[in-house]
Amino acid sequence: MSLQDTISKLARRPGPLGGVLVLELCGDEPAGTFGTQMLADLGATVIKIERVPPDDPPPFTPRSPVPEAIAYFWGMNRNKLSLAVD
């Protein structure tokens, strides 16, 4: 399978921007992350390229409250694919 076939397969999502592939390279900058979140919500395939986290977040159980930092990350990165690069 060629790279172009793989990319077109990834970009098949329903929505007005279905078929559009976006690479997010903005790191932790909130405006860029929010912009690509809106594109992903509209059907674009967003691939977030990020650094490997320096340390793992603290564990939590399903009945404990989700830490604020993790809730923020989940909210801002919904509907996105991610790739951590060192």
N, C-alpha and C. Protein backbone atom coordinates (compact mmCIF):
# COMPACT_ATOMS: atom_id res chain seq x y z
N MET A 1 0.84 -1.17 0.00
CA MET A 1 0.00 0.00 0.00
C MET A 1 0.89 1.24 0.00
N SER A 2 0.60 2.18 -0.86
CA SER A 2 1.42 3.39 -0.96
C SER A 2 1.06 4.38 0.14
N LEU A 3 1.92 5.37 0.33
CA LEU A 3 1.69 6.40 1.33
C LEU A 3 0.41 7.18 1.00
N GLN A 4 0.19 7.46 -0.26
CA GLN A 4 -1.01 8.20 -0.67
C GLN A 4 -2.28 7.40 -0.35
N ASP A 5 -2.25 6.09 -0.55
CA ASP A 5 -3.40 5.24 -0.21
C ASP A 5 -3.66 5.26 1.30
N THR A 6 -2.58 5.20 2.08
CA THR A 6 -2.72 5.22 3.53
C THR A 6 -3.32 6.54 4.00
N ILE A 7 -2.84 7.65 3.44
CA ILE A 7 -3.35 8.97 3.82
C ILE A 7 -4.81 9.12 3.44
N SER A 8 -5.18 8.69 2.25
CA SER A 8 -6.58 8.83 1.84
C SER A 8 -7.48 7.93 2.68
N LYS A 9 -6.97 6.79 3.13
CA LYS A 9 -7.75 5.91 4.00
C LYS A 9 -7.96 6.56 5.37
N LEU A 10 -6.93 7.24 5.89
CA LEU A 10 -7.05 7.94 7.17
C LEU A 10 -8.04 9.10 7.08
N ALA A 11 -8.12 9.76 5.95
CA ALA A 11 -8.91 10.98 5.81
C ALA A 11 -10.38 10.72 5.49
N ARG A 12 -10.86 9.51 5.63
CA ARG A 12 -12.27 9.20 5.35
C ARG A 12 -13.08 9.30 6.64
N ARG A 13 -13.56 10.49 6.94
CA ARG A 13 -14.41 10.71 8.11
C ARG A 13 -15.63 11.49 7.65
N PRO A 14 -16.78 11.27 8.30
CA PRO A 14 -17.96 12.02 7.91
C PRO A 14 -17.88 13.46 8.40
N GLY A 15 -18.53 14.35 7.71
CA GLY A 15 -18.59 15.75 8.11
C GLY A 15 -18.25 16.65 6.95
N PRO A 16 -18.46 17.95 7.11
CA PRO A 16 -18.19 18.90 6.03
C PRO A 16 -16.72 18.93 5.60
N LEU A 17 -15.80 18.61 6.51
CA LEU A 17 -14.37 18.60 6.17
C LEU A 17 -13.85 17.18 6.00
N GLY A 18 -14.74 16.21 5.81
CA GLY A 18 -14.31 14.83 5.57
C GLY A 18 -13.40 14.76 4.36
N GLY A 19 -12.31 14.05 4.47
CA GLY A 19 -11.35 13.94 3.38
C GLY A 19 -10.18 14.90 3.50
N VAL A 20 -10.26 15.83 4.46
CA VAL A 20 -9.17 16.79 4.68
C VAL A 20 -8.25 16.23 5.76
N LEU A 21 -6.95 16.23 5.50
CA LEU A 21 -5.97 15.75 6.45
C LEU A 21 -5.18 16.94 6.98
N VAL A 22 -5.11 17.08 8.31
CA VAL A 22 -4.42 18.20 8.96
C VAL A 22 -3.36 17.65 9.89
N LEU A 23 -2.15 18.20 9.83
CA LEU A 23 -1.10 17.86 10.78
C LEU A 23 -1.01 18.99 11.80
N GLU A 24 -1.14 18.65 13.08
CA GLU A 24 -1.03 19.64 14.15
C GLU A 24 0.37 19.58 14.72
N LEU A 25 1.09 20.69 14.61
CA LEU A 25 2.46 20.77 15.10
C LEU A 25 2.63 21.89 16.12
N CYS A 26 1.53 22.34 16.72
CA CYS A 26 1.58 23.54 17.57
C CYS A 26 1.93 23.25 19.02
N GLY A 27 2.17 22.01 19.38
CA GLY A 27 2.58 21.71 20.75
C GLY A 27 1.47 21.98 21.75
N ASP A 28 1.81 22.66 22.83
CA ASP A 28 0.83 22.92 23.90
C ASP A 28 0.19 24.30 23.78
N GLU A 29 0.37 24.96 22.68
CA GLU A 29 -0.18 26.30 22.49
C GLU A 29 -1.71 26.19 22.34
N PRO A 30 -2.50 26.77 23.24
CA PRO A 30 -3.94 26.50 23.26
C PRO A 30 -4.70 26.97 22.03
N ALA A 31 -4.33 28.07 21.42
CA ALA A 31 -5.10 28.58 20.27
C ALA A 31 -5.00 27.61 19.09
N GLY A 32 -3.81 27.10 18.82
CA GLY A 32 -3.65 26.15 17.72
C GLY A 32 -4.34 24.83 18.00
N THR A 33 -4.24 24.36 19.24
CA THR A 33 -4.89 23.11 19.63
C THR A 33 -6.41 23.25 19.53
N PHE A 34 -6.95 24.39 19.92
CA PHE A 34 -8.39 24.62 19.84
C PHE A 34 -8.83 24.71 18.37
N GLY A 35 -8.01 25.36 17.54
CA GLY A 35 -8.35 25.46 16.12
C GLY A 35 -8.42 24.10 15.45
N THR A 36 -7.45 23.24 15.73
CA THR A 36 -7.48 21.90 15.12
C THR A 36 -8.57 21.03 15.74
N GLN A 37 -8.95 21.32 16.99
CA GLN A 37 -10.07 20.60 17.60
C GLN A 37 -11.34 20.90 16.83
N MET A 38 -11.56 22.17 16.46
CA MET A 38 -12.76 22.54 15.69
C MET A 38 -12.74 21.87 14.31
N LEU A 39 -11.56 21.82 13.68
CA LEU A 39 -11.45 21.14 12.39
C LEU A 39 -11.78 19.66 12.52
N ALA A 40 -11.29 19.02 13.59
CA ALA A 40 -11.57 17.61 13.82
C ALA A 40 -13.05 17.38 14.08
N ASP A 41 -13.68 18.29 14.82
CA ASP A 41 -15.12 18.16 15.10
C ASP A 41 -15.94 18.28 13.82
N LEU A 42 -15.42 18.99 12.83
CA LEU A 42 -16.11 19.15 11.55
C LEU A 42 -15.79 18.04 10.56
N GLY A 43 -14.98 17.05 10.97
CA GLY A 43 -14.75 15.88 10.13
C GLY A 43 -13.36 15.77 9.54
N ALA A 44 -12.50 16.77 9.72
CA ALA A 44 -11.14 16.66 9.21
C ALA A 44 -10.39 15.60 10.01
N THR A 45 -9.47 14.92 9.38
CA THR A 45 -8.61 13.98 10.08
C THR A 45 -7.40 14.76 10.58
N VAL A 46 -7.29 14.92 11.88
CA VAL A 46 -6.21 15.70 12.48
C VAL A 46 -5.24 14.72 13.13
N ILE A 47 -3.98 14.83 12.75
CA ILE A 47 -2.91 14.03 13.36
C ILE A 47 -2.05 14.98 14.17
N LYS A 48 -2.07 14.80 15.48
CA LYS A 48 -1.30 15.65 16.40
C LYS A 48 0.07 15.03 16.58
N ILE A 49 1.11 15.79 16.21
CA ILE A 49 2.49 15.37 16.41
C ILE A 49 2.97 16.06 17.68
N GLU A 50 3.37 15.28 18.68
CA GLU A 50 3.76 15.87 19.96
C GLU A 50 5.02 15.22 20.50
N ARG A 51 5.62 15.89 21.48
CA ARG A 51 6.80 15.33 22.15
C ARG A 51 6.36 14.23 23.09
N VAL A 52 7.29 13.32 23.36
CA VAL A 52 7.03 12.30 24.38
C VAL A 52 6.94 13.00 25.72
N PRO A 53 5.89 12.72 26.53
CA PRO A 53 5.78 13.40 27.82
C PRO A 53 6.95 13.06 28.73
N PRO A 54 7.46 14.04 29.51
CA PRO A 54 8.61 13.78 30.37
C PRO A 54 8.29 12.80 31.50
N ASP A 55 7.06 12.79 31.96
CA ASP A 55 6.67 11.84 33.01
C ASP A 55 5.20 11.49 32.81
N ASP A 56 4.83 10.32 33.28
CA ASP A 56 3.45 9.89 33.15
C ASP A 56 2.57 10.63 34.15
N PRO A 57 1.31 10.92 33.77
CA PRO A 57 0.41 11.54 34.74
C PRO A 57 0.10 10.57 35.88
N PRO A 58 -0.31 11.10 37.02
CA PRO A 58 -0.63 10.21 38.14
C PRO A 58 -1.82 9.32 37.80
N PRO A 59 -1.81 8.07 38.24
CA PRO A 59 -2.93 7.18 37.93
C PRO A 59 -4.19 7.61 38.66
N PHE A 60 -5.33 7.27 38.08
CA PHE A 60 -6.60 7.52 38.74
C PHE A 60 -7.53 6.36 38.44
N THR A 61 -8.49 6.15 39.31
CA THR A 61 -9.46 5.07 39.13
C THR A 61 -10.73 5.65 38.53
N PRO A 62 -11.57 4.82 37.94
CA PRO A 62 -12.80 5.35 37.33
C PRO A 62 -13.70 6.11 38.30
N ARG A 63 -13.60 5.83 39.59
CA ARG A 63 -14.46 6.52 40.56
C ARG A 63 -13.83 7.78 41.13
N SER A 64 -12.54 7.99 40.90
CA SER A 64 -11.91 9.20 41.41
C SER A 64 -12.07 10.33 40.38
N PRO A 65 -12.03 11.57 40.83
CA PRO A 65 -12.15 12.67 39.88
C PRO A 65 -10.96 12.67 38.92
N VAL A 66 -11.23 13.04 37.68
CA VAL A 66 -10.17 13.13 36.69
C VAL A 66 -9.37 14.39 36.98
N PRO A 67 -8.04 14.28 37.05
CA PRO A 67 -7.23 15.48 37.29
C PRO A 67 -7.48 16.55 36.22
N GLU A 68 -7.43 17.79 36.63
CA GLU A 68 -7.76 18.90 35.73
C GLU A 68 -6.90 18.90 34.47
N ALA A 69 -5.61 18.64 34.59
CA ALA A 69 -4.72 18.65 33.42
C ALA A 69 -5.12 17.58 32.41
N ILE A 70 -5.51 16.41 32.89
CA ILE A 70 -5.90 15.32 31.99
C ILE A 70 -7.24 15.63 31.34
N ALA A 71 -8.19 16.19 32.08
CA ALA A 71 -9.49 16.56 31.53
C ALA A 71 -9.31 17.61 30.42
N TYR A 72 -8.44 18.58 30.66
CA TYR A 72 -8.16 19.62 29.65
C TYR A 72 -7.57 18.98 28.39
N PHE A 73 -6.60 18.08 28.57
CA PHE A 73 -5.95 17.42 27.43
C PHE A 73 -6.97 16.62 26.63
N TRP A 74 -7.81 15.83 27.31
CA TRP A 74 -8.82 15.02 26.62
C TRP A 74 -9.79 15.92 25.86
N GLY A 75 -10.21 17.00 26.49
CA GLY A 75 -11.17 17.90 25.84
C GLY A 75 -10.61 18.58 24.61
N MET A 76 -9.38 19.04 24.70
CA MET A 76 -8.78 19.76 23.57
C MET A 76 -8.30 18.84 22.46
N ASN A 77 -8.20 17.55 22.72
CA ASN A 77 -7.67 16.64 21.71
C ASN A 77 -8.66 15.56 21.28
N ARG A 78 -9.93 15.80 21.51
CA ARG A 78 -10.93 14.82 21.08
C ARG A 78 -10.98 14.76 19.55
N ASN A 79 -11.32 13.60 19.04
CA ASN A 79 -11.45 13.36 17.60
C ASN A 79 -10.12 13.48 16.85
N LYS A 80 -8.99 13.44 17.55
CA LYS A 80 -7.69 13.54 16.89
C LYS A 80 -6.92 12.23 17.03
N LEU A 81 -6.05 12.00 16.07
CA LEU A 81 -5.07 10.93 16.18
C LEU A 81 -3.79 11.57 16.71
N SER A 82 -2.97 10.83 17.40
CA SER A 82 -1.74 11.44 17.91
C SER A 82 -0.55 10.53 17.66
N LEU A 83 0.60 11.18 17.57
CA LEU A 83 1.86 10.50 17.35
C LEU A 83 2.90 11.19 18.22
N ALA A 84 3.50 10.48 19.16
CA ALA A 84 4.53 11.04 20.02
C ALA A 84 5.90 10.72 19.42
N VAL A 85 6.70 11.76 19.24
CA VAL A 85 8.02 11.62 18.62
C VAL A 85 9.07 12.14 19.59
N ASP A 86 10.14 11.38 19.75
CA ASP A 86 11.24 11.80 20.62
C ASP A 86 12.35 12.33 19.74
